[in-house]
Amino acid sequence: MNFRQLEVLRTLLVTGSTTATARAMGLSQSGISRLLQQLESDLSMQLFARDKGRLIPTPEAEKLAYDAELVLAGIDRFTNLAQDLRSGAVGPESVRIALPNSLADQFTPDLLAAFDKDFPRVRIETFFDTSMAITRLIEQRIVDFGFLRYEGQQSAGVELEVIVSGRKVCVIPVGHPLADLEMITPKDLRNIPLILTGRNRPNRMKLDEIFRRASVTQTVKIETHSNNSAFAYAAHGLGVTIISSFFANLTKDPRVVIRPFEPALRQSFGLAKAAGVPLSIAAEALNNRMKEMLLPVQDIKI
């Protein structure tokens, strides 16, 4: 038994003939007769008496028609709901994303405003935290997906797709002597107050090793744990910071200049979700929109 057979039963009760039913359903008359015969065979009962080309419903057909209407109404609701989910008219209760604090002010508002145009009824919940905390949120499926640094290895419970990369750059207050240089090396930073991020993280450890090889002792004035705070401190003249060009490109501030740091040290970033867990249509759409908005950021020339 299938829903087309139920549609034939419902329509025949209204029209009383296979010809009118065929016209109403856009099928051939023989197709209607075949579907009716299949339904009667499946149910092992006669549903209509034939009288001079007319179909007269049996009492059993009258009783079954009521439930057939309920089933068809349910199918209609199901089909309409699926269409609404695809279009964003409705969605899951919320889409939850986890992002670093560095994306909170400059990037995320634009992302959500763009997404809201296509999915106006989907509620979004944002979490801003460290990479380690974001990884836990993804593993525990508290969030649908998150933005993470690629550290060369990832938790087995997390799937990460690398999207963008950046190289280390120096953010320097305007008017600082280093602002006149085309690029900055560790020796240029000798005795310069530094604002550094990510202590004990793999990329920071690589940066520290570069300074050791250059025989330069870092003069760390401020340790911080977000790129946007490091950028802001540099903009206020508190020192020079070394951050990824990806994050430096997110902020435009006339109080600083940005110069490449040599030797080049690159870092990759991506979008991560729980391993083996598919995203909802709305979460997938937000994920894709974020990819579209991230890619141009790494292409900005320093």
Protein backbone atom coordinates (compact mmCIF):
# COMPACT_ATOMS: atom_id res chain seq x y z
CA MET A 1 0.00 0.00 0.00
CA ASN A 2 1.23 3.51 -0.78
CA PHE A 3 0.01 7.07 -0.44
CA ARG A 4 -0.96 7.31 -4.13
CA GLN A 5 -3.47 4.53 -3.58
CA LEU A 6 -4.89 6.46 -0.64
CA GLU A 7 -5.13 9.58 -2.80
CA VAL A 8 -7.11 7.58 -5.38
CA LEU A 9 -9.49 6.38 -2.66
CA ARG A 10 -10.02 9.92 -1.37
CA THR A 11 -10.54 11.43 -4.82
CA LEU A 12 -12.86 8.66 -6.03
CA LEU A 13 -15.12 9.25 -3.05
CA VAL A 14 -15.47 12.86 -4.17
CA THR A 15 -15.77 12.42 -7.95
CA GLY A 16 -17.42 9.00 -8.24
CA SER A 17 -15.62 8.13 -11.49
CA THR A 18 -12.19 7.07 -12.67
CA THR A 19 -12.32 9.65 -15.49
CA ALA A 20 -12.81 12.60 -13.15
CA THR A 21 -10.28 11.20 -10.69
CA ALA A 22 -7.69 10.78 -13.45
CA ARG A 23 -8.25 14.41 -14.50
CA ALA A 24 -7.97 15.67 -10.91
CA MET A 25 -4.78 13.71 -10.17
CA GLY A 26 -3.10 14.19 -13.55
CA LEU A 27 -2.99 10.47 -14.27
CA SER A 28 -4.44 8.24 -16.96
CA GLN A 29 -7.76 6.49 -16.40
CA SER A 30 -6.04 3.13 -16.65
CA GLY A 31 -3.53 4.28 -14.04
CA ILE A 32 -6.36 5.14 -11.64
CA SER A 33 -8.01 1.76 -12.23
CA ARG A 34 -4.71 -0.02 -11.62
CA LEU A 35 -4.06 1.84 -8.35
CA LEU A 36 -7.58 1.06 -7.14
CA GLN A 37 -7.20 -2.61 -7.99
CA GLN A 38 -3.87 -2.73 -6.15
CA LEU A 39 -5.44 -1.12 -3.06
CA GLU A 40 -8.36 -3.56 -3.05
CA SER A 41 -5.91 -6.43 -3.48
CA ASP A 42 -3.69 -5.20 -0.63
CA LEU A 43 -6.71 -4.83 1.67
CA SER A 44 -8.39 -8.04 0.43
CA MET A 45 -11.75 -6.29 0.14
CA GLN A 46 -13.90 -4.57 -2.44
CA LEU A 47 -14.07 -0.81 -1.96
CA PHE A 48 -16.33 0.21 -4.84
CA ALA A 49 -19.27 -1.40 -6.66
CA ARG A 50 -19.31 -0.85 -10.41
CA ASP A 51 -22.62 0.27 -11.90
CA LYS A 52 -22.78 1.46 -15.54
CA GLY A 53 -19.41 3.22 -15.38
CA ARG A 54 -20.07 4.68 -11.95
CA LEU A 55 -18.19 3.68 -8.83
CA ILE A 56 -20.29 3.36 -5.71
CA PRO A 57 -18.29 3.25 -2.47
CA THR A 58 -18.93 0.35 -0.11
CA PRO A 59 -19.49 1.02 3.61
CA GLU A 60 -15.93 -0.23 4.18
CA ALA A 61 -14.57 2.39 1.78
CA GLU A 62 -16.47 5.11 3.64
CA LYS A 63 -14.90 4.01 6.95
CA LEU A 64 -11.40 3.68 5.53
CA ALA A 65 -11.59 7.07 3.84
CA TYR A 66 -11.56 8.89 7.17
CA ASP A 67 -8.24 7.34 8.24
CA ALA A 68 -6.88 7.73 4.70
CA GLU A 69 -7.52 11.47 5.01
CA LEU A 70 -5.60 11.58 8.31
CA VAL A 71 -2.65 9.71 6.77
CA LEU A 72 -2.55 12.01 3.74
CA ALA A 73 -2.78 15.09 5.95
CA GLY A 74 0.20 13.79 7.93
CA ILE A 75 2.18 13.26 4.73
CA ASP A 76 1.32 16.81 3.65
CA ARG A 77 2.55 18.19 6.98
CA PHE A 78 5.73 16.13 6.73
CA THR A 79 6.41 17.33 3.17
CA ASN A 80 5.74 20.96 4.09
CA LEU A 81 8.00 20.72 7.15
CA ALA A 82 10.83 19.31 5.03
CA GLN A 83 10.40 22.17 2.57
CA ASP A 84 10.44 24.71 5.40
CA LEU A 85 13.60 23.15 6.85
CA ARG A 86 15.32 23.37 3.47
CA SER A 87 14.31 26.99 3.00
CA GLY A 88 15.09 28.09 6.57
CA ALA A 89 11.48 29.03 7.37
CA VAL A 90 11.86 26.79 10.42
CA GLY A 91 14.83 24.98 11.82
CA PRO A 92 16.23 23.24 14.84
CA GLU A 93 15.67 25.03 18.14
CA SER A 94 19.09 26.60 17.73
CA VAL A 95 22.42 26.39 15.97
CA ARG A 96 25.26 26.54 18.47
CA ILE A 97 28.75 27.64 17.46
CA ALA A 98 31.98 28.10 19.42
CA LEU A 99 34.48 30.75 18.37
CA PRO A 100 37.66 32.34 19.75
CA ASN A 101 37.27 35.70 21.46
CA SER A 102 39.25 37.24 18.61
CA LEU A 103 36.26 36.76 16.29
CA ALA A 104 33.70 38.24 18.68
CA ASP A 105 33.72 41.91 17.70
CA GLN A 106 34.84 42.22 14.08
CA PHE A 107 33.71 39.01 12.38
CA THR A 108 30.79 37.31 14.12
CA PRO A 109 28.22 40.14 13.89
CA ASP A 110 28.69 40.31 10.11
CA LEU A 111 28.46 36.50 9.88
CA LEU A 112 25.20 36.30 11.81
CA ALA A 113 23.64 39.24 9.97
CA ALA A 114 24.34 37.54 6.63
CA PHE A 115 23.02 34.17 7.86
CA ASP A 116 19.86 35.71 9.33
CA LYS A 117 18.74 36.88 5.89
CA ASP A 118 18.38 33.26 4.72
CA PHE A 119 17.41 31.65 8.04
CA PRO A 120 15.45 34.31 9.92
CA ARG A 121 13.69 31.88 12.26
CA VAL A 122 16.72 29.90 13.37
CA ARG A 123 17.99 30.84 16.84
CA ILE A 124 21.77 31.06 17.13
CA GLU A 125 23.78 30.54 20.30
CA THR A 126 27.41 31.67 20.35
CA PHE A 127 30.16 30.53 22.73
CA PHE A 128 33.46 32.43 22.88
CA ASP A 129 36.38 30.64 24.52
CA THR A 130 39.89 29.24 24.14
CA SER A 131 40.78 26.57 21.59
CA MET A 132 41.02 23.96 24.33
CA ALA A 133 37.58 24.83 25.68
CA ILE A 134 36.11 24.93 22.16
CA THR A 135 37.46 21.44 21.50
CA ARG A 136 35.70 20.17 24.62
CA LEU A 137 32.44 21.83 23.60
CA ILE A 138 32.63 20.07 20.24
CA GLU A 139 33.55 16.69 21.72
CA GLN A 140 30.63 16.88 24.16
CA ARG A 141 28.30 18.01 21.33
CA ILE A 142 27.33 21.12 23.26
CA VAL A 143 27.95 23.07 20.05
CA ASP A 144 27.34 22.09 16.44
CA PHE A 145 30.71 23.31 15.22
CA GLY A 146 33.55 25.61 16.14
CA PHE A 147 36.56 27.53 14.85
CA LEU A 148 39.94 26.09 15.88
CA ARG A 149 43.63 26.48 15.30
CA TYR A 150 45.18 23.48 13.57
CA GLU A 151 47.92 22.23 15.86
CA GLY A 152 49.12 19.33 13.70
CA GLN A 153 46.98 16.82 15.54
CA GLN A 154 43.39 16.80 16.70
CA SER A 155 41.24 14.99 19.23
CA ALA A 156 39.86 11.70 17.87
CA GLY A 157 36.37 12.98 18.65
CA VAL A 158 36.75 16.05 16.43
CA GLU A 159 36.80 16.44 12.64
CA LEU A 160 38.57 19.61 11.50
CA GLU A 161 38.53 21.05 7.99
CA VAL A 162 41.37 23.52 7.46
CA ILE A 163 39.95 26.67 5.84
CA VAL A 164 42.46 29.51 6.17
CA SER A 165 46.04 30.15 7.18
CA GLY A 166 48.13 33.12 8.12
CA ARG A 167 51.73 34.04 8.86
CA LYS A 168 53.08 35.74 11.93
CA VAL A 169 53.13 39.54 11.68
CA CYS A 170 54.11 42.34 13.99
CA VAL A 171 51.48 44.89 14.98
CA ILE A 172 53.38 48.09 15.74
CA PRO A 173 52.16 51.44 17.12
CA VAL A 174 52.31 54.25 14.57
CA GLY A 175 55.38 56.40 15.18
CA HIS A 176 57.36 53.52 16.67
CA PRO A 177 60.90 53.24 15.18
CA LEU A 178 60.11 49.73 13.88
CA ALA A 179 57.24 51.10 11.78
CA ASP A 180 59.78 52.29 9.19
CA LEU A 181 61.01 48.75 8.51
CA GLU A 182 59.60 46.59 5.70
CA MET A 183 59.85 43.44 7.80
CA ILE A 184 60.74 42.57 11.37
CA THR A 185 63.22 39.97 12.63
CA PRO A 186 63.92 38.79 16.19
CA LYS A 187 67.05 40.97 16.31
CA ASP A 188 64.90 44.03 15.53
CA LEU A 189 62.83 43.18 18.61
CA ARG A 190 65.74 43.06 21.04
CA ASN A 191 64.81 45.08 24.17
CA ILE A 192 61.43 45.98 22.63
CA PRO A 193 58.43 45.53 24.98
CA LEU A 194 56.42 42.62 23.56
CA ILE A 195 52.80 41.59 23.90
CA LEU A 196 52.62 37.83 23.36
CA THR A 197 49.81 35.28 23.21
CA GLY A 198 49.37 31.53 23.54
CA ARG A 199 51.95 30.69 26.21
CA ASN A 200 52.76 26.94 26.16
CA ARG A 201 50.82 26.47 22.91
CA PRO A 202 52.66 24.78 19.98
CA ASN A 203 52.81 27.91 17.82
CA ARG A 204 54.07 30.06 20.68
CA MET A 205 56.72 27.46 21.45
CA LYS A 206 57.88 27.66 17.81
CA LEU A 207 58.07 31.45 18.10
CA ASP A 208 60.10 31.19 21.32
CA GLU A 209 62.47 28.79 19.59
CA ILE A 210 63.01 31.28 16.75
CA PHE A 211 64.08 33.90 19.30
CA ARG A 212 66.41 31.41 21.03
CA ARG A 213 68.10 30.53 17.74
CA ALA A 214 68.60 34.25 17.06
CA SER A 215 70.12 34.62 20.57
CA VAL A 216 67.52 37.26 21.42
CA THR A 217 65.92 37.37 24.85
CA GLN A 218 62.28 38.40 24.62
CA THR A 219 61.21 41.39 26.68
CA VAL A 220 57.66 40.30 27.45
CA LYS A 221 55.66 43.21 28.85
CA ILE A 222 52.18 41.64 28.57
CA GLU A 223 51.01 38.03 28.30
CA THR A 224 47.47 37.74 27.01
CA HIS A 225 45.22 34.99 25.73
CA SER A 226 43.35 36.54 22.81
CA ASN A 227 44.57 38.09 19.59
CA ASN A 228 42.13 40.98 19.71
CA SER A 229 43.36 42.03 23.16
CA ALA A 230 46.96 41.83 21.95
CA PHE A 231 46.06 44.00 18.96
CA ALA A 232 44.28 46.52 21.20
CA TYR A 233 47.22 46.73 23.60
CA ALA A 234 49.56 47.46 20.68
CA ALA A 235 47.15 50.09 19.39
CA HIS A 236 47.36 51.78 22.79
CA GLY A 237 51.16 51.94 22.54
CA LEU A 238 51.86 49.30 25.18
CA GLY A 239 54.26 47.37 22.99
CA VAL A 240 54.62 45.33 19.81
CA THR A 241 52.62 42.17 19.39
CA ILE A 242 53.25 39.17 17.15
CA ILE A 243 50.03 37.53 15.96
CA SER A 244 48.71 35.72 12.91
CA SER A 245 48.04 37.86 9.86
CA PHE A 246 44.61 36.24 9.76
CA PHE A 247 43.60 37.94 13.00
CA ALA A 248 45.49 41.13 12.17
CA ASN A 249 43.51 41.42 8.94
CA LEU A 250 40.22 41.34 10.83
CA THR A 251 40.88 44.71 12.46
CA LYS A 252 41.58 48.04 10.82
CA ASP A 253 43.07 50.62 13.15
CA PRO A 254 44.96 53.79 12.09
CA ARG A 255 46.96 53.66 15.30
CA VAL A 256 49.05 50.68 14.13
CA VAL A 257 51.00 49.39 11.17
CA ILE A 258 51.45 45.71 10.31
CA ARG A 259 54.75 44.26 9.15
CA PRO A 260 55.72 40.65 8.23
CA PHE A 261 57.75 38.79 10.84
CA GLU A 262 60.76 36.84 9.58
CA PRO A 263 61.51 33.97 9.54
CA ALA A 264 58.02 33.15 8.34
CA LEU A 265 55.91 31.17 10.78
CA ARG A 266 52.54 30.02 9.45
CA GLN A 267 49.44 28.88 11.26
CA SER A 268 46.29 27.22 9.93
CA PHE A 269 42.70 27.47 11.15
CA GLY A 270 39.56 25.54 10.38
CA LEU A 271 36.01 24.61 11.23
CA ALA A 272 35.50 21.56 13.42
CA LYS A 273 32.58 19.37 14.42
CA ALA A 274 32.06 16.15 16.36
CA ALA A 275 33.48 13.21 14.43
CA GLY A 276 30.87 11.27 12.49
CA VAL A 277 28.00 13.57 13.45
CA PRO A 278 26.21 15.29 10.52
CA LEU A 279 25.20 18.93 10.78
CA SER A 280 21.60 20.06 10.47
CA ILE A 281 20.68 21.94 7.29
CA ALA A 282 20.78 25.25 9.15
CA ALA A 283 24.11 24.45 10.86
CA GLU A 284 25.59 23.36 7.53
CA ALA A 285 24.41 26.60 5.95
CA LEU A 286 26.01 28.67 8.73
CA ASN A 287 29.18 26.60 8.41
CA ASN A 288 29.33 27.25 4.66
CA ARG A 289 28.59 30.96 5.09
CA MET A 290 31.45 31.19 7.56
CA LYS A 291 33.81 29.53 5.07
CA GLU A 292 32.81 32.09 2.43
CA MET A 293 33.54 34.97 4.80
CA LEU A 294 36.81 33.55 6.15
CA LEU A 295 38.55 32.95 2.84
CA PRO A 296 38.86 36.63 1.76
CA VAL A 297 40.43 37.54 5.12
CA GLN A 298 43.64 35.59 4.46
CA ASP A 299 43.98 37.13 0.99
CA ILE A 300 44.40 40.68 2.27
CA LYS A 301 47.94 41.86 1.61
CA ILE A 302 49.88 43.16 4.57
